[in-house]
Amino acid sequence: MDWCHYRFRSVWALPAAPERVFAVLERAEEYPYWWPQVREVQPLDPVTGTARFRSLLPYDLFVTGREQERDPAAGRLGIAMSGDLVGWARWTVTGRGAVSRAVFEQEVEVRRPLMRRLAVPGRPVFLLNHAAMMRGGRRGLVEWLAADHVR
């Protein structure tokens, strides 16, 4: 087993139409407004940007994301990632009426040196840290959608 390799999958039930959810998720530069653990997103060009994340643990992760897929009809958004995490992440948004299902999938290898050194003993803590980040994201997105920030 490669202790530095992670696969994540989160499913969020959301009280909003799929088109509204997709409209929020495709604007990564606005994630820090509603997702507390996404501390900063800086666009570099129309398809590339940098992001800084921090959840419960006292360290930041820095990544560069490059758009790989944007298909509003299929509800799919995907990026390739480099930096502290190397791999990919994808959203798939489906639903009907005023209810959506947003599936977040991610497969990455940790490149941050300290996390690599702590890969075996730290893995359970890293998994809990990621779960807390995803809970915060879902809660923030529900509040953002309720406040009708979707443009």
N, C-alpha and C. Protein backbone atom coordinates (compact mmCIF):
# COMPACT_ATOMS: atom_id res chain seq x y z
N MET A 1 0.84 -1.19 0.00
CA MET A 1 0.00 0.00 0.00
C MET A 1 0.88 1.25 0.00
N ASP A 2 0.54 2.19 -0.84
CA ASP A 2 1.23 3.48 -0.85
C ASP A 2 0.53 4.38 0.15
N TRP A 3 1.16 4.62 1.27
CA TRP A 3 0.55 5.38 2.36
C TRP A 3 0.39 6.86 2.03
N CYS A 4 0.99 7.32 0.93
CA CYS A 4 0.87 8.72 0.52
C CYS A 4 -0.19 8.91 -0.55
N HIS A 5 -0.88 7.85 -0.90
CA HIS A 5 -1.91 7.89 -1.93
C HIS A 5 -3.28 7.88 -1.25
N TYR A 6 -4.16 8.78 -1.71
CA TYR A 6 -5.50 8.89 -1.13
C TYR A 6 -6.55 8.92 -2.23
N ARG A 7 -7.66 8.28 -1.95
CA ARG A 7 -8.86 8.35 -2.79
C ARG A 7 -10.00 8.78 -1.89
N PHE A 8 -10.68 9.83 -2.32
CA PHE A 8 -11.80 10.35 -1.54
C PHE A 8 -13.06 10.39 -2.39
N ARG A 9 -14.18 10.22 -1.72
CA ARG A 9 -15.49 10.37 -2.37
C ARG A 9 -16.45 10.88 -1.32
N SER A 10 -17.08 12.00 -1.61
CA SER A 10 -18.09 12.59 -0.73
C SER A 10 -19.33 12.86 -1.56
N VAL A 11 -20.48 12.61 -0.97
CA VAL A 11 -21.75 12.85 -1.63
C VAL A 11 -22.53 13.86 -0.79
N TRP A 12 -22.89 14.96 -1.42
CA TRP A 12 -23.63 16.01 -0.73
C TRP A 12 -25.04 16.10 -1.30
N ALA A 13 -26.04 15.95 -0.46
CA ALA A 13 -27.43 16.25 -0.84
C ALA A 13 -27.61 17.74 -0.58
N LEU A 14 -28.10 18.46 -1.58
CA LEU A 14 -28.20 19.91 -1.48
C LEU A 14 -29.60 20.40 -1.86
N PRO A 15 -30.12 21.37 -1.11
CA PRO A 15 -31.46 21.88 -1.37
C PRO A 15 -31.47 23.00 -2.41
N ALA A 16 -31.04 22.68 -3.63
CA ALA A 16 -31.03 23.65 -4.72
C ALA A 16 -30.99 22.90 -6.04
N ALA A 17 -31.45 23.56 -7.07
CA ALA A 17 -31.44 22.97 -8.41
C ALA A 17 -30.01 22.69 -8.86
N PRO A 18 -29.82 21.63 -9.63
CA PRO A 18 -28.47 21.29 -10.09
C PRO A 18 -27.77 22.44 -10.82
N GLU A 19 -28.51 23.21 -11.59
CA GLU A 19 -27.90 24.32 -12.32
C GLU A 19 -27.33 25.36 -11.37
N ARG A 20 -28.03 25.62 -10.27
CA ARG A 20 -27.53 26.58 -9.26
C ARG A 20 -26.29 26.04 -8.58
N VAL A 21 -26.31 24.77 -8.22
CA VAL A 21 -25.15 24.17 -7.55
C VAL A 21 -23.95 24.20 -8.49
N PHE A 22 -24.14 23.81 -9.73
CA PHE A 22 -23.05 23.82 -10.70
C PHE A 22 -22.49 25.23 -10.86
N ALA A 23 -23.38 26.23 -10.90
CA ALA A 23 -22.95 27.62 -11.06
C ALA A 23 -22.03 28.06 -9.93
N VAL A 24 -22.28 27.58 -8.72
CA VAL A 24 -21.40 27.91 -7.60
C VAL A 24 -20.09 27.14 -7.71
N LEU A 25 -20.18 25.85 -7.96
CA LEU A 25 -18.98 25.01 -7.98
C LEU A 25 -18.02 25.37 -9.11
N GLU A 26 -18.53 25.90 -10.22
CA GLU A 26 -17.62 26.24 -11.31
C GLU A 26 -16.85 27.53 -11.06
N ARG A 27 -17.20 28.28 -10.02
CA ARG A 27 -16.49 29.52 -9.69
C ARG A 27 -15.56 29.28 -8.51
N ALA A 28 -14.49 28.57 -8.76
CA ALA A 28 -13.55 28.20 -7.70
C ALA A 28 -13.00 29.42 -6.96
N GLU A 29 -12.86 30.54 -7.64
CA GLU A 29 -12.31 31.74 -6.99
C GLU A 29 -13.22 32.24 -5.86
N GLU A 30 -14.48 31.79 -5.84
CA GLU A 30 -15.40 32.19 -4.77
C GLU A 30 -15.50 31.16 -3.65
N TYR A 31 -14.83 30.03 -3.75
CA TYR A 31 -14.89 29.01 -2.70
C TYR A 31 -14.56 29.57 -1.31
N PRO A 32 -13.56 30.44 -1.17
CA PRO A 32 -13.26 30.94 0.18
C PRO A 32 -14.42 31.70 0.84
N TYR A 33 -15.37 32.19 0.06
CA TYR A 33 -16.51 32.90 0.63
C TYR A 33 -17.46 31.95 1.36
N TRP A 34 -17.54 30.71 0.91
CA TRP A 34 -18.49 29.79 1.52
C TRP A 34 -17.86 28.53 2.12
N TRP A 35 -16.62 28.21 1.76
CA TRP A 35 -15.98 26.99 2.25
C TRP A 35 -14.84 27.41 3.18
N PRO A 36 -15.06 27.34 4.50
CA PRO A 36 -14.09 27.89 5.45
C PRO A 36 -12.68 27.32 5.32
N GLN A 37 -12.55 26.07 4.92
CA GLN A 37 -11.23 25.45 4.85
C GLN A 37 -10.48 25.78 3.56
N VAL A 38 -11.15 26.37 2.60
CA VAL A 38 -10.48 26.87 1.39
C VAL A 38 -10.13 28.32 1.70
N ARG A 39 -8.89 28.53 2.07
CA ARG A 39 -8.48 29.85 2.58
C ARG A 39 -8.22 30.88 1.50
N GLU A 40 -7.80 30.40 0.33
CA GLU A 40 -7.44 31.35 -0.73
C GLU A 40 -7.45 30.64 -2.08
N VAL A 41 -7.96 31.32 -3.08
CA VAL A 41 -7.90 30.85 -4.47
C VAL A 41 -7.49 32.04 -5.32
N GLN A 42 -6.46 31.85 -6.12
CA GLN A 42 -5.96 32.91 -7.00
C GLN A 42 -5.95 32.42 -8.44
N PRO A 43 -6.82 32.96 -9.29
CA PRO A 43 -6.76 32.58 -10.71
C PRO A 43 -5.44 33.03 -11.32
N LEU A 44 -4.86 32.18 -12.15
CA LEU A 44 -3.65 32.52 -12.88
C LEU A 44 -3.96 32.85 -14.33
N ASP A 45 -4.96 32.17 -14.87
CA ASP A 45 -5.46 32.40 -16.23
C ASP A 45 -6.87 31.80 -16.25
N PRO A 46 -7.56 31.79 -17.38
CA PRO A 46 -8.94 31.29 -17.38
C PRO A 46 -9.13 29.83 -16.96
N VAL A 47 -8.09 29.00 -17.01
CA VAL A 47 -8.26 27.58 -16.67
C VAL A 47 -7.32 27.09 -15.58
N THR A 48 -6.53 27.98 -14.99
CA THR A 48 -5.54 27.58 -13.99
C THR A 48 -5.60 28.53 -12.80
N GLY A 49 -5.39 27.97 -11.61
CA GLY A 49 -5.34 28.80 -10.42
C GLY A 49 -4.62 28.09 -9.30
N THR A 50 -4.28 28.85 -8.27
CA THR A 50 -3.66 28.27 -7.09
C THR A 50 -4.66 28.34 -5.94
N ALA A 51 -4.49 27.41 -5.00
CA ALA A 51 -5.38 27.39 -3.84
C ALA A 51 -4.59 27.03 -2.59
N ARG A 52 -5.07 27.54 -1.47
CA ARG A 52 -4.49 27.22 -0.16
C ARG A 52 -5.61 26.68 0.71
N PHE A 53 -5.39 25.51 1.31
CA PHE A 53 -6.38 24.84 2.15
C PHE A 53 -5.83 24.68 3.56
N ARG A 54 -6.71 24.72 4.54
CA ARG A 54 -6.36 24.37 5.91
C ARG A 54 -7.64 23.93 6.61
N SER A 55 -7.58 22.74 7.20
CA SER A 55 -8.73 22.23 7.93
C SER A 55 -8.41 22.29 9.42
N LEU A 56 -8.47 21.17 10.12
CA LEU A 56 -8.23 21.16 11.57
C LEU A 56 -6.75 21.18 11.95
N LEU A 57 -5.94 20.55 11.15
CA LEU A 57 -4.51 20.47 11.46
C LEU A 57 -3.82 21.80 11.16
N PRO A 58 -2.78 22.13 11.93
CA PRO A 58 -2.14 23.45 11.79
C PRO A 58 -1.12 23.53 10.66
N TYR A 59 -1.56 23.22 9.45
CA TYR A 59 -0.70 23.39 8.29
C TYR A 59 -1.56 23.71 7.07
N ASP A 60 -0.98 24.41 6.13
CA ASP A 60 -1.65 24.74 4.89
C ASP A 60 -1.16 23.80 3.79
N LEU A 61 -2.05 23.48 2.89
CA LEU A 61 -1.68 22.76 1.66
C LEU A 61 -1.84 23.74 0.51
N PHE A 62 -0.86 23.72 -0.40
CA PHE A 62 -0.88 24.60 -1.56
C PHE A 62 -0.94 23.74 -2.82
N VAL A 63 -1.88 24.06 -3.70
CA VAL A 63 -2.00 23.31 -4.95
C VAL A 63 -2.23 24.29 -6.10
N THR A 64 -1.87 23.81 -7.28
CA THR A 64 -2.24 24.48 -8.52
C THR A 64 -3.21 23.56 -9.22
N GLY A 65 -4.34 24.11 -9.61
CA GLY A 65 -5.35 23.33 -10.33
C GLY A 65 -5.47 23.82 -11.76
N ARG A 66 -5.60 22.88 -12.67
CA ARG A 66 -5.79 23.21 -14.08
C ARG A 66 -7.03 22.49 -14.57
N GLU A 67 -7.97 23.25 -15.10
CA GLU A 67 -9.23 22.67 -15.57
C GLU A 67 -8.98 21.58 -16.60
N GLN A 68 -9.61 20.44 -16.38
CA GLN A 68 -9.54 19.32 -17.31
C GLN A 68 -10.89 19.04 -17.94
N GLU A 69 -11.95 19.43 -17.23
CA GLU A 69 -13.29 19.16 -17.75
C GLU A 69 -14.25 20.20 -17.19
N ARG A 70 -15.11 20.72 -18.06
CA ARG A 70 -16.20 21.62 -17.66
C ARG A 70 -17.35 21.30 -18.62
N ASP A 71 -18.33 20.56 -18.12
CA ASP A 71 -19.45 20.12 -18.94
C ASP A 71 -20.75 20.39 -18.18
N PRO A 72 -21.32 21.59 -18.35
CA PRO A 72 -22.55 21.92 -17.62
C PRO A 72 -23.70 20.95 -17.90
N ALA A 73 -23.82 20.47 -19.13
CA ALA A 73 -24.91 19.55 -19.46
C ALA A 73 -24.82 18.25 -18.67
N ALA A 74 -23.60 17.76 -18.46
CA ALA A 74 -23.39 16.53 -17.69
C ALA A 74 -23.18 16.83 -16.20
N GLY A 75 -23.06 18.11 -15.84
CA GLY A 75 -22.83 18.49 -14.46
C GLY A 75 -21.45 18.12 -13.95
N ARG A 76 -20.45 18.13 -14.84
CA ARG A 76 -19.11 17.67 -14.45
C ARG A 76 -18.07 18.79 -14.54
N LEU A 77 -17.29 18.86 -13.47
CA LEU A 77 -16.15 19.77 -13.40
C LEU A 77 -14.96 18.96 -12.92
N GLY A 78 -13.82 19.09 -13.59
CA GLY A 78 -12.65 18.34 -13.16
C GLY A 78 -11.39 19.14 -13.31
N ILE A 79 -10.45 18.90 -12.40
CA ILE A 79 -9.15 19.56 -12.46
C ILE A 79 -8.03 18.55 -12.28
N ALA A 80 -6.87 18.89 -12.82
CA ALA A 80 -5.62 18.21 -12.51
C ALA A 80 -4.94 19.06 -11.45
N MET A 81 -4.31 18.41 -10.48
CA MET A 81 -3.69 19.12 -9.37
C MET A 81 -2.19 18.84 -9.31
N SER A 82 -1.44 19.87 -8.93
CA SER A 82 -0.01 19.72 -8.67
C SER A 82 0.33 20.56 -7.44
N GLY A 83 1.48 20.32 -6.88
CA GLY A 83 1.89 21.04 -5.68
C GLY A 83 1.99 20.07 -4.51
N ASP A 84 1.43 20.45 -3.35
CA ASP A 84 1.45 19.57 -2.18
C ASP A 84 0.64 18.30 -2.41
N LEU A 85 -0.33 18.37 -3.29
CA LEU A 85 -1.14 17.22 -3.70
C LEU A 85 -1.05 17.11 -5.21
N VAL A 86 -0.78 15.91 -5.71
CA VAL A 86 -0.69 15.68 -7.15
C VAL A 86 -1.73 14.65 -7.52
N GLY A 87 -2.56 14.97 -8.51
CA GLY A 87 -3.60 14.05 -8.94
C GLY A 87 -4.74 14.80 -9.59
N TRP A 88 -5.96 14.44 -9.21
CA TRP A 88 -7.13 15.07 -9.82
C TRP A 88 -8.27 15.16 -8.82
N ALA A 89 -9.21 16.03 -9.13
CA ALA A 89 -10.45 16.17 -8.35
C ALA A 89 -11.57 16.44 -9.34
N ARG A 90 -12.77 15.97 -8.97
CA ARG A 90 -13.91 16.12 -9.89
C ARG A 90 -15.20 16.28 -9.10
N TRP A 91 -16.07 17.16 -9.59
CA TRP A 91 -17.44 17.30 -9.12
C TRP A 91 -18.36 16.74 -10.18
N THR A 92 -19.40 16.03 -9.76
CA THR A 92 -20.49 15.62 -10.65
C THR A 92 -21.79 16.02 -9.96
N VAL A 93 -22.54 16.89 -10.61
CA VAL A 93 -23.78 17.40 -10.02
C VAL A 93 -24.96 16.86 -10.82
N THR A 94 -25.88 16.22 -10.12
CA THR A 94 -27.09 15.71 -10.73
C THR A 94 -28.27 16.12 -9.85
N GLY A 95 -29.46 15.86 -10.32
CA GLY A 95 -30.64 16.16 -9.50
C GLY A 95 -31.84 16.49 -10.35
N ARG A 96 -32.87 16.85 -9.65
CA ARG A 96 -34.14 17.17 -10.29
C ARG A 96 -34.85 18.22 -9.46
N GLY A 97 -35.41 19.20 -10.13
CA GLY A 97 -36.13 20.24 -9.42
C GLY A 97 -35.22 21.02 -8.50
N ALA A 98 -35.62 21.12 -7.23
CA ALA A 98 -34.88 21.92 -6.26
C ALA A 98 -33.97 21.08 -5.36
N VAL A 99 -33.63 19.89 -5.82
CA VAL A 99 -32.77 19.00 -5.03
C VAL A 99 -31.62 18.51 -5.92
N SER A 100 -30.41 18.59 -5.36
CA SER A 100 -29.22 18.16 -6.11
C SER A 100 -28.41 17.17 -5.31
N ARG A 101 -27.61 16.47 -6.05
CA ARG A 101 -26.62 15.55 -5.47
C ARG A 101 -25.29 15.94 -6.09
N ALA A 102 -24.37 16.37 -5.25
CA ALA A 102 -23.03 16.74 -5.72
C ALA A 102 -22.06 15.69 -5.21
N VAL A 103 -21.38 15.03 -6.14
CA VAL A 103 -20.41 14.00 -5.78
C VAL A 103 -19.02 14.57 -6.03
N PHE A 104 -18.21 14.57 -4.96
CA PHE A 104 -16.83 15.01 -5.05
C PHE A 104 -15.95 13.77 -5.02
N GLU A 105 -15.10 13.64 -6.02
CA GLU A 105 -14.15 12.53 -6.07
C GLU A 105 -12.76 13.13 -6.24
N GLN A 106 -11.80 12.48 -5.58
CA GLN A 106 -10.44 12.97 -5.64
C GLN A 106 -9.48 11.80 -5.49
N GLU A 107 -8.44 11.82 -6.30
CA GLU A 107 -7.36 10.84 -6.16
C GLU A 107 -6.06 11.62 -6.22
N VAL A 108 -5.29 11.55 -5.13
CA VAL A 108 -4.08 12.34 -5.03
C VAL A 108 -2.97 11.58 -4.34
N GLU A 109 -1.77 12.04 -4.61
CA GLU A 109 -0.59 11.60 -3.86
C GLU A 109 -0.08 12.82 -3.12
N VAL A 110 0.19 12.64 -1.84
CA VAL A 110 0.71 13.73 -1.02
C VAL A 110 2.19 13.92 -1.35
N ARG A 111 2.56 15.16 -1.63
CA ARG A 111 3.96 15.47 -1.93
C ARG A 111 4.61 16.32 -0.85
N ARG A 112 3.82 16.85 0.04
CA ARG A 112 4.38 17.69 1.11
C ARG A 112 5.31 16.82 1.96
N PRO A 113 6.58 17.22 2.12
CA PRO A 113 7.56 16.36 2.80
C PRO A 113 7.16 15.91 4.20
N LEU A 114 6.68 16.80 5.04
CA LEU A 114 6.31 16.41 6.40
C LEU A 114 5.19 15.37 6.39
N MET A 115 4.21 15.55 5.55
CA MET A 115 3.10 14.59 5.47
C MET A 115 3.60 13.24 4.95
N ARG A 116 4.56 13.26 4.07
CA ARG A 116 5.13 12.00 3.57
C ARG A 116 5.87 11.26 4.70
N ARG A 117 6.61 12.02 5.51
CA ARG A 117 7.33 11.40 6.63
C ARG A 117 6.37 10.83 7.67
N LEU A 118 5.23 11.46 7.83
CA LEU A 118 4.23 11.02 8.81
C LEU A 118 3.13 10.16 8.18
N ALA A 119 3.37 9.67 6.98
CA ALA A 119 2.33 8.97 6.22
C ALA A 119 1.67 7.83 6.98
N VAL A 120 2.44 6.97 7.60
CA VAL A 120 1.84 5.82 8.28
C VAL A 120 1.16 6.21 9.59
N PRO A 121 1.87 6.84 10.54
CA PRO A 121 1.18 7.15 11.79
C PRO A 121 0.13 8.26 11.64
N GLY A 122 0.31 9.13 10.66
CA GLY A 122 -0.59 10.26 10.50
C GLY A 122 -1.83 10.01 9.66
N ARG A 123 -1.85 8.90 8.94
CA ARG A 123 -2.94 8.65 8.00
C ARG A 123 -4.33 8.79 8.62
N PRO A 124 -4.61 8.17 9.77
CA PRO A 124 -5.97 8.33 10.34
C PRO A 124 -6.31 9.79 10.63
N VAL A 125 -5.32 10.55 11.08
CA VAL A 125 -5.56 11.96 11.37
C VAL A 125 -5.77 12.74 10.08
N PHE A 126 -5.01 12.43 9.05
CA PHE A 126 -5.18 13.10 7.76
C PHE A 126 -6.57 12.82 7.19
N LEU A 127 -7.05 11.59 7.35
CA LEU A 127 -8.39 11.24 6.87
C LEU A 127 -9.46 12.00 7.65
N LEU A 128 -9.31 12.11 8.96
CA LEU A 128 -10.26 12.89 9.76
C LEU A 128 -10.23 14.36 9.37
N ASN A 129 -9.03 14.88 9.10
CA ASN A 129 -8.87 16.26 8.68
C ASN A 129 -9.62 16.52 7.37
N HIS A 130 -9.50 15.59 6.44
CA HIS A 130 -10.21 15.73 5.17
C HIS A 130 -11.72 15.65 5.38
N ALA A 131 -12.18 14.73 6.21
CA ALA A 131 -13.61 14.60 6.48
C ALA A 131 -14.17 15.89 7.09
N ALA A 132 -13.42 16.51 8.00
CA ALA A 132 -13.87 17.77 8.59
C ALA A 132 -13.95 18.86 7.52
N MET A 133 -12.99 18.86 6.61
CA MET A 133 -13.01 19.84 5.52
C MET A 133 -14.26 19.66 4.66
N MET A 134 -14.58 18.44 4.35
CA MET A 134 -15.76 18.19 3.50
C MET A 134 -17.05 18.55 4.23
N ARG A 135 -17.14 18.27 5.51
CA ARG A 135 -18.34 18.66 6.28
C ARG A 135 -18.49 20.18 6.27
N GLY A 136 -17.37 20.89 6.47
CA GLY A 136 -17.41 22.35 6.44
C GLY A 136 -17.82 22.88 5.08
N GLY A 137 -17.35 22.24 4.03
CA GLY A 137 -17.72 22.66 2.67
C GLY A 137 -19.20 22.49 2.39
N ARG A 138 -19.74 21.34 2.77
CA ARG A 138 -21.16 21.10 2.53
C ARG A 138 -22.01 22.11 3.31
N ARG A 139 -21.69 22.28 4.59
CA ARG A 139 -22.44 23.22 5.42
C ARG A 139 -22.37 24.64 4.83
N GLY A 140 -21.17 25.05 4.42
CA GLY A 140 -21.02 26.38 3.83
C GLY A 140 -21.77 26.55 2.53
N LEU A 141 -21.77 25.51 1.71
CA LEU A 141 -22.48 25.59 0.43
C LEU A 141 -23.98 25.68 0.64
N VAL A 142 -24.50 24.91 1.59
CA VAL A 142 -25.94 24.99 1.88
C VAL A 142 -26.31 26.40 2.32
N GLU A 143 -25.50 27.01 3.19
CA GLU A 143 -25.77 28.37 3.64
C GLU A 143 -25.66 29.38 2.50
N TRP A 144 -24.65 29.21 1.65
CA TRP A 144 -24.44 30.11 0.51
C TRP A 144 -25.63 30.05 -0.45
N LEU A 145 -26.08 28.84 -0.72
CA LEU A 145 -27.24 28.67 -1.61
C LEU A 145 -28.50 29.26 -1.00
N ALA A 146 -28.70 29.08 0.29
CA ALA A 146 -29.87 29.62 0.99
C ALA A 146 -29.88 31.14 0.98
N ALA A 147 -28.70 31.74 1.04
CA ALA A 147 -28.59 33.19 1.02
C ALA A 147 -28.71 33.75 -0.39
N ASP A 148 -28.83 32.85 -1.36
CA ASP A 148 -29.02 33.19 -2.78
C ASP A 148 -27.90 34.06 -3.33
N HIS A 149 -26.68 33.62 -3.07
CA HIS A 149 -25.49 34.30 -3.60
C HIS A 149 -25.21 33.89 -5.05
N VAL A 150 -25.95 32.94 -5.56
CA VAL A 150 -25.71 32.43 -6.91
C VAL A 150 -26.11 33.52 -7.90
N ARG A 151 -25.16 33.86 -8.76
CA ARG A 151 -25.41 34.92 -9.75
C ARG A 151 -25.81 34.32 -11.07
